[in-house]
PDB file of all heavy atoms in Angstrom:
ATOM      1  N   VAL A   1     113.626  78.309 109.215  1.00  0.00           N
ATOM      2  CA  VAL A   1     112.887  78.835 110.365  1.00  0.00           C
ATOM      3  C   VAL A   1     111.602  78.029 110.504  1.00  0.00           C
ATOM      4  O   VAL A   1     110.799  77.959 109.586  1.00  0.00           O
ATOM      5  CB  VAL A   1     112.553  80.334 110.175  1.00  0.00           C
ATOM      6  CG1 VAL A   1     111.736  80.852 111.336  1.00  0.00           C
ATOM      7  CG2 VAL A   1     113.827  81.116 109.983  1.00  0.00           C
ATOM      8  N   VAL A   2     111.458  77.437 111.649  1.00  0.00           N
ATOM      9  CA  VAL A   2     110.246  76.660 111.918  1.00  0.00           C
ATOM     10  C   VAL A   2     109.324  77.519 112.761  1.00  0.00           C
ATOM     11  O   VAL A   2     109.678  77.941 113.855  1.00  0.00           O
ATOM     12  CB  VAL A   2     110.583  75.351 112.668  1.00  0.00           C
ATOM     13  CG1 VAL A   2     109.319  74.587 112.990  1.00  0.00           C
ATOM     14  CG2 VAL A   2     111.547  74.526 111.872  1.00  0.00           C
ATOM     15  N   ARG A   3     108.151  77.787 112.204  1.00  0.00           N
ATOM     16  CA  ARG A   3     107.182  78.611 112.940  1.00  0.00           C
ATOM     17  C   ARG A   3     106.253  77.704 113.733  1.00  0.00           C
ATOM     18  O   ARG A   3     105.792  76.697 113.230  1.00  0.00           O
ATOM     19  CB  ARG A   3     106.365  79.455 111.963  1.00  0.00           C
ATOM     20  CG  ARG A   3     107.242  80.413 111.181  1.00  0.00           C
ATOM     21  CD  ARG A   3     106.436  81.211 110.235  1.00  0.00           C
ATOM     22  NE  ARG A   3     105.623  82.148 110.985  1.00  0.00           N
ATOM     23  CZ  ARG A   3     104.759  82.989 110.450  1.00  0.00           C
ATOM     24  NH1 ARG A   3     104.559  82.986 109.160  1.00  0.00           N
ATOM     25  NH2 ARG A   3     104.070  83.804 111.194  1.00  0.00           N
ATOM     26  N   LYS A   4     106.051  78.090 114.961  1.00  0.00           N
ATOM     27  CA  LYS A   4     105.130  77.330 115.797  1.00  0.00           C
ATOM     28  C   LYS A   4     103.711  77.575 115.320  1.00  0.00           C
ATOM     29  O   LYS A   4     103.362  78.700 114.962  1.00  0.00           O
ATOM     30  CB  LYS A   4     105.236  77.782 117.250  1.00  0.00           C
ATOM     31  CG  LYS A   4     106.469  77.323 117.953  1.00  0.00           C
ATOM     32  CD  LYS A   4     106.384  77.732 119.398  1.00  0.00           C
ATOM     33  CE  LYS A   4     107.591  77.260 120.170  1.00  0.00           C
ATOM     34  NZ  LYS A   4     107.552  77.678 121.560  1.00  0.00           N
ATOM     35  N   PRO A   5     102.911  76.545 115.315  1.00  0.00           N
ATOM     36  CA  PRO A   5     101.512  76.774 114.945  1.00  0.00           C
ATOM     37  C   PRO A   5     100.817  77.628 116.006  1.00  0.00           C
ATOM     38  O   PRO A   5     101.092  77.512 117.192  1.00  0.00           O
ATOM     39  CB  PRO A   5     100.914  75.364 114.905  1.00  0.00           C
ATOM     40  CG  PRO A   5     101.832  74.519 115.701  1.00  0.00           C
ATOM     41  CD  PRO A   5     103.184  75.168 115.633  1.00  0.00           C
ATOM     42  N   THR A   6      99.956  78.494 115.538  1.00  0.00           N
ATOM     43  CA  THR A   6      99.240  79.362 116.460  1.00  0.00           C
ATOM     44  C   THR A   6      98.226  78.532 117.235  1.00  0.00           C
ATOM     45  O   THR A   6      97.516  77.723 116.667  1.00  0.00           O
ATOM     46  CB  THR A   6      98.491  80.457 115.670  1.00  0.00           C
ATOM     47  OG1 THR A   6      99.415  81.091 114.798  1.00  0.00           O
ATOM     48  CG2 THR A   6      97.889  81.488 116.577  1.00  0.00           C
ATOM     49  N   SER A   7      98.193  78.759 118.519  1.00  0.00           N
ATOM     50  CA  SER A   7      97.260  77.981 119.321  1.00  0.00           C
ATOM     51  C   SER A   7      95.829  78.433 119.046  1.00  0.00           C
ATOM     52  O   SER A   7      95.576  79.554 118.601  1.00  0.00           O
ATOM     53  CB  SER A   7      97.573  78.148 120.811  1.00  0.00           C
ATOM     54  OG  SER A   7      97.216  79.441 121.238  1.00  0.00           O
ATOM     55  N   ARG A   8      94.894  77.542 119.320  1.00  0.00           N
ATOM     56  CA  ARG A   8      93.485  77.864 119.084  1.00  0.00           C
ATOM     57  C   ARG A   8      93.035  79.011 119.968  1.00  0.00           C
ATOM     58  O   ARG A   8      92.244  79.850 119.550  1.00  0.00           O
ATOM     59  CB  ARG A   8      92.627  76.624 119.347  1.00  0.00           C
ATOM     60  CG  ARG A   8      92.856  75.546 118.321  1.00  0.00           C
ATOM     61  CD  ARG A   8      91.901  74.377 118.460  1.00  0.00           C
ATOM     62  NE  ARG A   8      91.231  74.257 119.725  1.00  0.00           N
ATOM     63  CZ  ARG A   8      91.396  73.256 120.583  1.00  0.00           C
ATOM     64  NH1 ARG A   8      92.218  72.296 120.301  1.00  0.00           N
ATOM     65  NH2 ARG A   8      90.736  73.212 121.706  1.00  0.00           N
ATOM     66  N   LEU A   9      93.560  79.074 121.195  1.00  0.00           N
ATOM     67  CA  LEU A   9      93.201  80.163 122.094  1.00  0.00           C
ATOM     68  C   LEU A   9      93.686  81.496 121.548  1.00  0.00           C
ATOM     69  O   LEU A   9      92.948  82.483 121.550  1.00  0.00           O
ATOM     70  CB  LEU A   9      93.782  79.918 123.493  1.00  0.00           C
ATOM     71  CG  LEU A   9      93.547  81.035 124.510  1.00  0.00           C
ATOM     72  CD1 LEU A   9      92.056  81.253 124.742  1.00  0.00           C
ATOM     73  CD2 LEU A   9      94.250  80.730 125.815  1.00  0.00           C
ATOM     74  N   LYS A  10      94.920  81.503 121.027  1.00  0.00           N
ATOM     75  CA  LYS A  10      95.457  82.744 120.451  1.00  0.00           C
ATOM     76  C   LYS A  10      94.617  83.195 119.263  1.00  0.00           C
ATOM     77  O   LYS A  10      94.316  84.384 119.119  1.00  0.00           O
ATOM     78  CB  LYS A  10      96.903  82.542 119.994  1.00  0.00           C
ATOM     79  CG  LYS A  10      97.929  83.024 120.949  1.00  0.00           C
ATOM     80  CD  LYS A  10      99.286  82.927 120.287  1.00  0.00           C
ATOM     81  CE  LYS A  10     100.368  83.371 121.237  1.00  0.00           C
ATOM     82  NZ  LYS A  10     101.683  83.181 120.673  1.00  0.00           N
ATOM     83  N   ARG A  11      94.247  82.258 118.402  1.00  0.00           N
ATOM     84  CA  ARG A  11      93.418  82.599 117.241  1.00  0.00           C
ATOM     85  C   ARG A  11      92.072  83.160 117.683  1.00  0.00           C
ATOM     86  O   ARG A  11      91.590  84.149 117.152  1.00  0.00           O
ATOM     87  CB  ARG A  11      93.206  81.379 116.349  1.00  0.00           C
ATOM     88  CG  ARG A  11      94.375  81.072 115.442  1.00  0.00           C
ATOM     89  CD  ARG A  11      93.983  80.118 114.313  1.00  0.00           C
ATOM     90  NE  ARG A  11      93.287  78.919 114.759  1.00  0.00           N
ATOM     91  CZ  ARG A  11      93.872  77.761 115.036  1.00  0.00           C
ATOM     92  NH1 ARG A  11      95.175  77.637 114.907  1.00  0.00           N
ATOM     93  NH2 ARG A  11      93.157  76.723 115.421  1.00  0.00           N
ATOM     94  N   PHE A  12      91.472  82.519 118.665  1.00  0.00           N
ATOM     95  CA  PHE A  12      90.171  82.973 119.159  1.00  0.00           C
ATOM     96  C   PHE A  12      90.273  84.373 119.741  1.00  0.00           C
ATOM     97  O   PHE A  12      89.465  85.251 119.434  1.00  0.00           O
ATOM     98  CB  PHE A  12      89.633  81.999 120.215  1.00  0.00           C
ATOM     99  CG  PHE A  12      88.406  82.507 120.906  1.00  0.00           C
ATOM    100  CD1 PHE A  12      87.178  82.496 120.259  1.00  0.00           C
ATOM    101  CD2 PHE A  12      88.479  83.005 122.196  1.00  0.00           C
ATOM    102  CE1 PHE A  12      86.040  82.975 120.892  1.00  0.00           C
ATOM    103  CE2 PHE A  12      87.355  83.486 122.829  1.00  0.00           C
ATOM    104  CZ  PHE A  12      86.128  83.471 122.182  1.00  0.00           C
ATOM    105  N   LEU A  13      91.284  84.603 120.599  1.00  0.00           N
ATOM    106  CA  LEU A  13      91.452  85.914 121.220  1.00  0.00           C
ATOM    107  C   LEU A  13      91.765  86.981 120.180  1.00  0.00           C
ATOM    108  O   LEU A  13      91.305  88.124 120.282  1.00  0.00           O
ATOM    109  CB  LEU A  13      92.537  85.866 122.294  1.00  0.00           C
ATOM    110  CG  LEU A  13      92.182  85.053 123.543  1.00  0.00           C
ATOM    111  CD1 LEU A  13      93.363  84.999 124.490  1.00  0.00           C
ATOM    112  CD2 LEU A  13      90.960  85.627 124.232  1.00  0.00           C
ATOM    113  N   SER A  14      92.541  86.612 119.163  1.00  0.00           N
ATOM    114  CA  SER A  14      92.864  87.554 118.091  1.00  0.00           C
ATOM    115  C   SER A  14      91.602  87.949 117.329  1.00  0.00           C
ATOM    116  O   SER A  14      91.348  89.131 117.091  1.00  0.00           O
ATOM    117  CB  SER A  14      93.880  86.910 117.158  1.00  0.00           C
ATOM    118  OG  SER A  14      94.118  87.723 116.043  1.00  0.00           O
ATOM    119  N   ARG A  15      90.788  86.943 116.963  1.00  0.00           N
ATOM    120  CA  ARG A  15      89.543  87.236 116.243  1.00  0.00           C
ATOM    121  C   ARG A  15      88.591  88.050 117.108  1.00  0.00           C
ATOM    122  O   ARG A  15      87.920  88.961 116.621  1.00  0.00           O
ATOM    123  CB  ARG A  15      88.864  85.936 115.814  1.00  0.00           C
ATOM    124  CG  ARG A  15      89.605  85.226 114.715  1.00  0.00           C
ATOM    125  CD  ARG A  15      88.950  83.913 114.381  1.00  0.00           C
ATOM    126  NE  ARG A  15      89.735  83.159 113.416  1.00  0.00           N
ATOM    127  CZ  ARG A  15      89.589  81.885 113.179  1.00  0.00           C
ATOM    128  NH1 ARG A  15      88.682  81.193 113.841  1.00  0.00           N
ATOM    129  NH2 ARG A  15      90.329  81.280 112.291  1.00  0.00           N
ATOM    130  N   LEU A  16      88.530  87.713 118.385  1.00  0.00           N
ATOM    131  CA  LEU A  16      87.663  88.451 119.309  1.00  0.00           C
ATOM    132  C   LEU A  16      88.104  89.909 119.405  1.00  0.00           C
ATOM    133  O   LEU A  16      87.270  90.825 119.359  1.00  0.00           O
ATOM    134  CB  LEU A  16      87.694  87.785 120.688  1.00  0.00           C
ATOM    135  CG  LEU A  16      86.843  88.430 121.766  1.00  0.00           C
ATOM    136  CD1 LEU A  16      85.360  88.310 121.416  1.00  0.00           C
ATOM    137  CD2 LEU A  16      87.118  87.799 123.114  1.00  0.00           C
ATOM    138  N   THR A  17      89.403  90.141 119.514  1.00  0.00           N
ATOM    139  CA  THR A  17      89.923  91.501 119.599  1.00  0.00           C
ATOM    140  C   THR A  17      89.597  92.290 118.336  1.00  0.00           C
ATOM    141  O   THR A  17      89.131  93.435 118.415  1.00  0.00           O
ATOM    142  CB  THR A  17      91.453  91.478 119.823  1.00  0.00           C
ATOM    143  OG1 THR A  17      91.732  90.707 120.996  1.00  0.00           O
ATOM    144  CG2 THR A  17      92.006  92.873 119.983  1.00  0.00           C
ATOM    145  N   TYR A  18      89.823  91.679 117.168  1.00  0.00           N
ATOM    146  CA  TYR A  18      89.496  92.362 115.909  1.00  0.00           C
ATOM    147  C   TYR A  18      88.009  92.669 115.821  1.00  0.00           C
ATOM    148  O   TYR A  18      87.606  93.753 115.386  1.00  0.00           O
ATOM    149  CB  TYR A  18      89.930  91.525 114.700  1.00  0.00           C
ATOM    150  CG  TYR A  18      91.419  91.445 114.519  1.00  0.00           C
ATOM    151  CD1 TYR A  18      92.029  90.248 114.170  1.00  0.00           C
ATOM    152  CD2 TYR A  18      92.230  92.556 114.705  1.00  0.00           C
ATOM    153  CE1 TYR A  18      93.403  90.156 114.008  1.00  0.00           C
ATOM    154  CE2 TYR A  18      93.605  92.469 114.545  1.00  0.00           C
ATOM    155  CZ  TYR A  18      94.181  91.274 114.203  1.00  0.00           C
ATOM    156  OH  TYR A  18      95.534  91.190 114.046  1.00  0.00           O
ATOM    157  N   GLY A  19      87.186  91.726 116.228  1.00  0.00           N
ATOM    158  CA  GLY A  19      85.736  91.933 116.194  1.00  0.00           C
ATOM    159  C   GLY A  19      85.305  93.072 117.087  1.00  0.00           C
ATOM    160  O   GLY A  19      84.491  93.920 116.696  1.00  0.00           O
ATOM    161  N   VAL A  20      85.860  93.132 118.298  1.00  0.00           N
ATOM    162  CA  VAL A  20      85.521  94.212 119.237  1.00  0.00           C
ATOM    163  C   VAL A  20      85.990  95.558 118.689  1.00  0.00           C
ATOM    164  O   VAL A  20      85.261  96.560 118.750  1.00  0.00           O
ATOM    165  CB  VAL A  20      86.129  93.934 120.626  1.00  0.00           C
ATOM    166  CG1 VAL A  20      86.040  95.158 121.523  1.00  0.00           C
ATOM    167  CG2 VAL A  20      85.435  92.746 121.274  1.00  0.00           C
ATOM    168  N   ILE A  21      87.187  95.596 118.116  1.00  0.00           N
ATOM    169  CA  ILE A  21      87.703  96.851 117.548  1.00  0.00           C
ATOM    170  C   ILE A  21      86.816  97.325 116.402  1.00  0.00           C
ATOM    171  O   ILE A  21      86.464  98.510 116.332  1.00  0.00           O
ATOM    172  CB  ILE A  21      89.175  96.671 117.087  1.00  0.00           C
ATOM    173  CG1 ILE A  21      90.094  96.534 118.302  1.00  0.00           C
ATOM    174  CG2 ILE A  21      89.618  97.836 116.214  1.00  0.00           C
ATOM    175  CD1 ILE A  21      91.506  96.139 117.968  1.00  0.00           C
ATOM    176  N   ILE A  22      86.420  96.411 115.514  1.00  0.00           N
ATOM    177  CA  ILE A  22      85.538  96.791 114.393  1.00  0.00           C
ATOM    178  C   ILE A  22      84.200  97.300 114.910  1.00  0.00           C
ATOM    179  O   ILE A  22      83.678  98.314 114.437  1.00  0.00           O
ATOM    180  CB  ILE A  22      85.360  95.595 113.429  1.00  0.00           C
ATOM    181  CG1 ILE A  22      86.670  95.350 112.678  1.00  0.00           C
ATOM    182  CG2 ILE A  22      84.223  95.838 112.448  1.00  0.00           C
ATOM    183  CD1 ILE A  22      86.704  94.059 111.893  1.00  0.00           C
ATOM    184  N   MET A  23      83.631  96.611 115.927  1.00  0.00           N
ATOM    185  CA  MET A  23      82.353  97.056 116.488  1.00  0.00           C
ATOM    186  C   MET A  23      82.480  98.433 117.130  1.00  0.00           C
ATOM    187  O   MET A  23      81.583  99.275 117.002  1.00  0.00           O
ATOM    188  CB  MET A  23      81.837  96.043 117.504  1.00  0.00           C
ATOM    189  CG  MET A  23      81.296  94.779 116.854  1.00  0.00           C
ATOM    190  SD  MET A  23      80.891  93.450 118.006  1.00  0.00           S
ATOM    191  CE  MET A  23      79.861  94.254 119.186  1.00  0.00           C
ATOM    192  N   LEU A  24      83.599  98.694 117.797  1.00  0.00           N
ATOM    193  CA  LEU A  24      83.817 100.006 118.418  1.00  0.00           C
ATOM    194  C   LEU A  24      83.935 101.103 117.363  1.00  0.00           C
ATOM    195  O   LEU A  24      83.394 102.201 117.517  1.00  0.00           O
ATOM    196  CB  LEU A  24      85.063  99.978 119.309  1.00  0.00           C
ATOM    197  CG  LEU A  24      84.920  99.218 120.627  1.00  0.00           C
ATOM    198  CD1 LEU A  24      86.261  99.147 121.336  1.00  0.00           C
ATOM    199  CD2 LEU A  24      83.876  99.869 121.522  1.00  0.00           C
ATOM    200  N   ILE A  25      84.638 100.809 116.279  1.00  0.00           N
ATOM    201  CA  ILE A  25      84.803 101.792 115.202  1.00  0.00           C
ATOM    202  C   ILE A  25      83.451 102.096 114.561  1.00  0.00           C
ATOM    203  O   ILE A  25      83.095 103.266 114.349  1.00  0.00           O
ATOM    204  CB  ILE A  25      85.829 101.300 114.160  1.00  0.00           C
ATOM    205  CG1 ILE A  25      87.237 101.304 114.767  1.00  0.00           C
ATOM    206  CG2 ILE A  25      85.781 102.154 112.901  1.00  0.00           C
ATOM    207  CD1 ILE A  25      88.280 100.618 113.909  1.00  0.00           C
ATOM    208  N   VAL A  26      82.680 101.046 114.243  1.00  0.00           N
ATOM    209  CA  VAL A  26      81.359 101.245 113.627  1.00  0.00           C
ATOM    210  C   VAL A  26      80.437 101.996 114.588  1.00  0.00           C
ATOM    211  O   VAL A  26      79.718 102.924 114.186  1.00  0.00           O
ATOM    212  CB  VAL A  26      80.743  99.885 113.217  1.00  0.00           C
ATOM    213  CG1 VAL A  26      79.285 100.031 112.820  1.00  0.00           C
ATOM    214  CG2 VAL A  26      81.544  99.275 112.075  1.00  0.00           C
ATOM    215  N   GLY A  27      80.467 101.612 115.870  1.00  0.00           N
ATOM    216  CA  GLY A  27      79.635 102.297 116.866  1.00  0.00           C
ATOM    217  C   GLY A  27      80.003 103.760 117.012  1.00  0.00           C
ATOM    218  O   GLY A  27      79.129 104.633 117.091  1.00  0.00           O
ATOM    219  N   ALA A  28      81.302 104.054 117.029  1.00  0.00           N
ATOM    220  CA  ALA A  28      81.756 105.444 117.137  1.00  0.00           C
ATOM    221  C   ALA A  28      81.351 106.246 115.905  1.00  0.00           C
ATOM    222  O   ALA A  28      80.900 107.397 116.022  1.00  0.00           O
ATOM    223  CB  ALA A  28      83.270 105.486 117.334  1.00  0.00           C
ATOM    224  N   ALA A  29      81.476 105.652 114.724  1.00  0.00           N
ATOM    225  CA  ALA A  29      81.068 106.339 113.496  1.00  0.00           C
ATOM    226  C   ALA A  29      79.565 106.622 113.516  1.00  0.00           C
ATOM    227  O   ALA A  29      79.120 107.728 113.172  1.00  0.00           O
ATOM    228  CB  ALA A  29      81.434 105.502 112.265  1.00  0.00           C
ATOM    229  N   PHE A  30      78.778 105.640 113.922  1.00  0.00           N
ATOM    230  CA  PHE A  30      77.323 105.817 114.025  1.00  0.00           C
ATOM    231  C   PHE A  30      76.996 106.940 114.997  1.00  0.00           C
ATOM    232  O   PHE A  30      76.156 107.804 114.719  1.00  0.00           O
ATOM    233  CB  PHE A  30      76.677 104.506 114.488  1.00  0.00           C
ATOM    234  CG  PHE A  30      75.214 104.619 114.778  1.00  0.00           C
ATOM    235  CD1 PHE A  30      74.281 104.612 113.758  1.00  0.00           C
ATOM    236  CD2 PHE A  30      74.761 104.741 116.090  1.00  0.00           C
ATOM    237  CE1 PHE A  30      72.928 104.715 114.020  1.00  0.00           C
ATOM    238  CE2 PHE A  30      73.415 104.848 116.360  1.00  0.00           C
ATOM    239  CZ  PHE A  30      72.492 104.832 115.327  1.00  0.00           C
ATOM    240  N   LEU A  31      77.649 106.956 116.149  1.00  0.00           N
ATOM    241  CA  LEU A  31      77.400 107.978 117.168  1.00  0.00           C
ATOM    242  C   LEU A  31      77.767 109.376 116.662  1.00  0.00           C
ATOM    243  O   LEU A  31      77.012 110.338 116.859  1.00  0.00           O
ATOM    244  CB  LEU A  31      78.197 107.641 118.427  1.00  0.00           C
ATOM    245  CG  LEU A  31      77.926 108.507 119.649  1.00  0.00           C
ATOM    246  CD1 LEU A  31      76.474 108.369 120.090  1.00  0.00           C
ATOM    247  CD2 LEU A  31      78.857 108.124 120.778  1.00  0.00           C
ATOM    248  N   ILE A  32      78.893 109.489 115.986  1.00  0.00           N
ATOM    249  CA  ILE A  32      79.318 110.792 115.455  1.00  0.00           C
ATOM    250  C   ILE A  32      78.334 111.297 114.406  1.00  0.00           C
ATOM    251  O   ILE A  32      77.903 112.455 114.441  1.00  0.00           O
ATOM    252  CB  ILE A  32      80.751 110.697 114.877  1.00  0.00           C
ATOM    253  CG1 ILE A  32      81.759 110.505 116.017  1.00  0.00           C
ATOM    254  CG2 ILE A  32      81.097 111.939 114.066  1.00  0.00           C
ATOM    255  CD1 ILE A  32      83.154 110.143 115.557  1.00  0.00           C
ATOM    256  N   VAL A  33      77.940 110.427 113.474  1.00  0.00           N
ATOM    257  CA  VAL A  33      76.973 110.819 112.432  1.00  0.00           C
ATOM    258  C   VAL A  33      75.650 111.217 113.063  1.00  0.00           C
ATOM    259  O   VAL A  33      75.036 112.224 112.688  1.00  0.00           O
ATOM    260  CB  VAL A  33      76.790 109.665 111.407  1.00  0.00           C
ATOM    261  CG1 VAL A  33      75.611 109.929 110.498  1.00  0.00           C
ATOM    262  CG2 VAL A  33      78.062 109.473 110.596  1.00  0.00           C
ATOM    263  N   GLN A  34      75.191 110.454 114.059  1.00  0.00           N
ATOM    264  CA  GLN A  34      73.919 110.757 114.715  1.00  0.00           C
ATOM    265  C   GLN A  34      73.987 112.085 115.459  1.00  0.00           C
ATOM    266  O   GLN A  34      73.048 112.882 115.406  1.00  0.00           O
ATOM    267  CB  GLN A  34      73.536 109.616 115.673  1.00  0.00           C
ATOM    268  CG  GLN A  34      72.286 109.853 116.490  1.00  0.00           C
ATOM    269  CD  GLN A  34      71.037 110.040 115.655  1.00  0.00           C
ATOM    270  OE1 GLN A  34      70.955 109.622 114.512  1.00  0.00           O
ATOM    271  NE2 GLN A  34      70.046 110.695 116.240  1.00  0.00           N
ATOM    272  N   GLU A  35      75.074 112.337 116.154  1.00  0.00           N
ATOM    273  CA  GLU A  35      75.204 113.588 116.914  1.00  0.00           C
ATOM    274  C   GLU A  35      75.322 114.809 116.009  1.00  0.00           C
ATOM    275  O   GLU A  35      74.821 115.880 116.328  1.00  0.00           O
ATOM    276  CB  GLU A  35      76.419 113.507 117.854  1.00  0.00           C
ATOM    277  CG  GLU A  35      76.211 112.612 119.049  1.00  0.00           C
ATOM    278  CD  GLU A  35      75.089 113.081 119.952  1.00  0.00           C
ATOM    279  OE1 GLU A  35      74.998 114.294 120.238  1.00  0.00           O
ATOM    280  OE2 GLU A  35      74.281 112.228 120.355  1.00  0.00           O
ATOM    281  N   LEU A  36      75.965 114.661 114.851  1.00  0.00           N
ATOM    282  CA  LEU A  36      76.154 115.807 113.952  1.00  0.00           C
ATOM    283  C   LEU A  36      74.952 116.056 113.047  1.00  0.00           C
ATOM    284  O   LEU A  36      74.539 117.210 112.862  1.00  0.00           O
ATOM    285  CB  LEU A  36      77.410 115.594 113.094  1.00  0.00           C
ATOM    286  CG  LEU A  36      78.750 115.594 113.845  1.00  0.00           C
ATOM    287  CD1 LEU A  36      79.891 115.294 112.881  1.00  0.00           C
ATOM    288  CD2 LEU A  36      78.980 116.931 114.532  1.00  0.00           C
ATOM    289  N   PHE A  37      74.363 114.988 112.482  1.00  0.00           N
ATOM    290  CA  PHE A  37      73.345 115.172 111.444  1.00  0.00           C
ATOM    291  C   PHE A  37      71.958 114.646 111.817  1.00  0.00           C
ATOM    292  O   PHE A  37      70.997 114.914 111.099  1.00  0.00           O
ATOM    293  CB  PHE A  37      73.810 114.499 110.134  1.00  0.00           C
ATOM    294  CG  PHE A  37      75.164 114.957 109.689  1.00  0.00           C
ATOM    295  CD1 PHE A  37      76.259 114.099 109.743  1.00  0.00           C
ATOM    296  CD2 PHE A  37      75.368 116.259 109.236  1.00  0.00           C
ATOM    297  CE1 PHE A  37      77.523 114.515 109.333  1.00  0.00           C
ATOM    298  CE2 PHE A  37      76.629 116.677 108.826  1.00  0.00           C
ATOM    299  CZ  PHE A  37      77.706 115.808 108.880  1.00  0.00           C
ATOM    300  N   HIS A  38      71.828 113.857 112.858  1.00  0.00           N
ATOM    301  CA  HIS A  38      70.556 113.281 113.337  1.00  0.00           C
ATOM    302  C   HIS A  38      69.760 112.544 112.261  1.00  0.00           C
ATOM    303  O   HIS A  38      68.540 112.723 112.172  1.00  0.00           O
ATOM    304  CB  HIS A  38      69.684 114.388 113.956  1.00  0.00           C
ATOM    305  CG  HIS A  38      70.352 115.108 115.067  1.00  0.00           C
ATOM    306  ND1 HIS A  38      70.500 114.566 116.317  1.00  0.00           N
ATOM    307  CD2 HIS A  38      70.949 116.342 115.107  1.00  0.00           C
ATOM    308  CE1 HIS A  38      71.143 115.431 117.093  1.00  0.00           C
ATOM    309  NE2 HIS A  38      71.431 116.510 116.388  1.00  0.00           N
TER     310      HIS A  38
END
């Protein structure tokens, strides 16, 4: 099985998506903690 190399655009978009998801999770956790415990 020959795997095609991942394009640079795909890698960039993948990293960007992961980064945005992590930022959203951290932001949501911060917001929940702030709203519950201040």
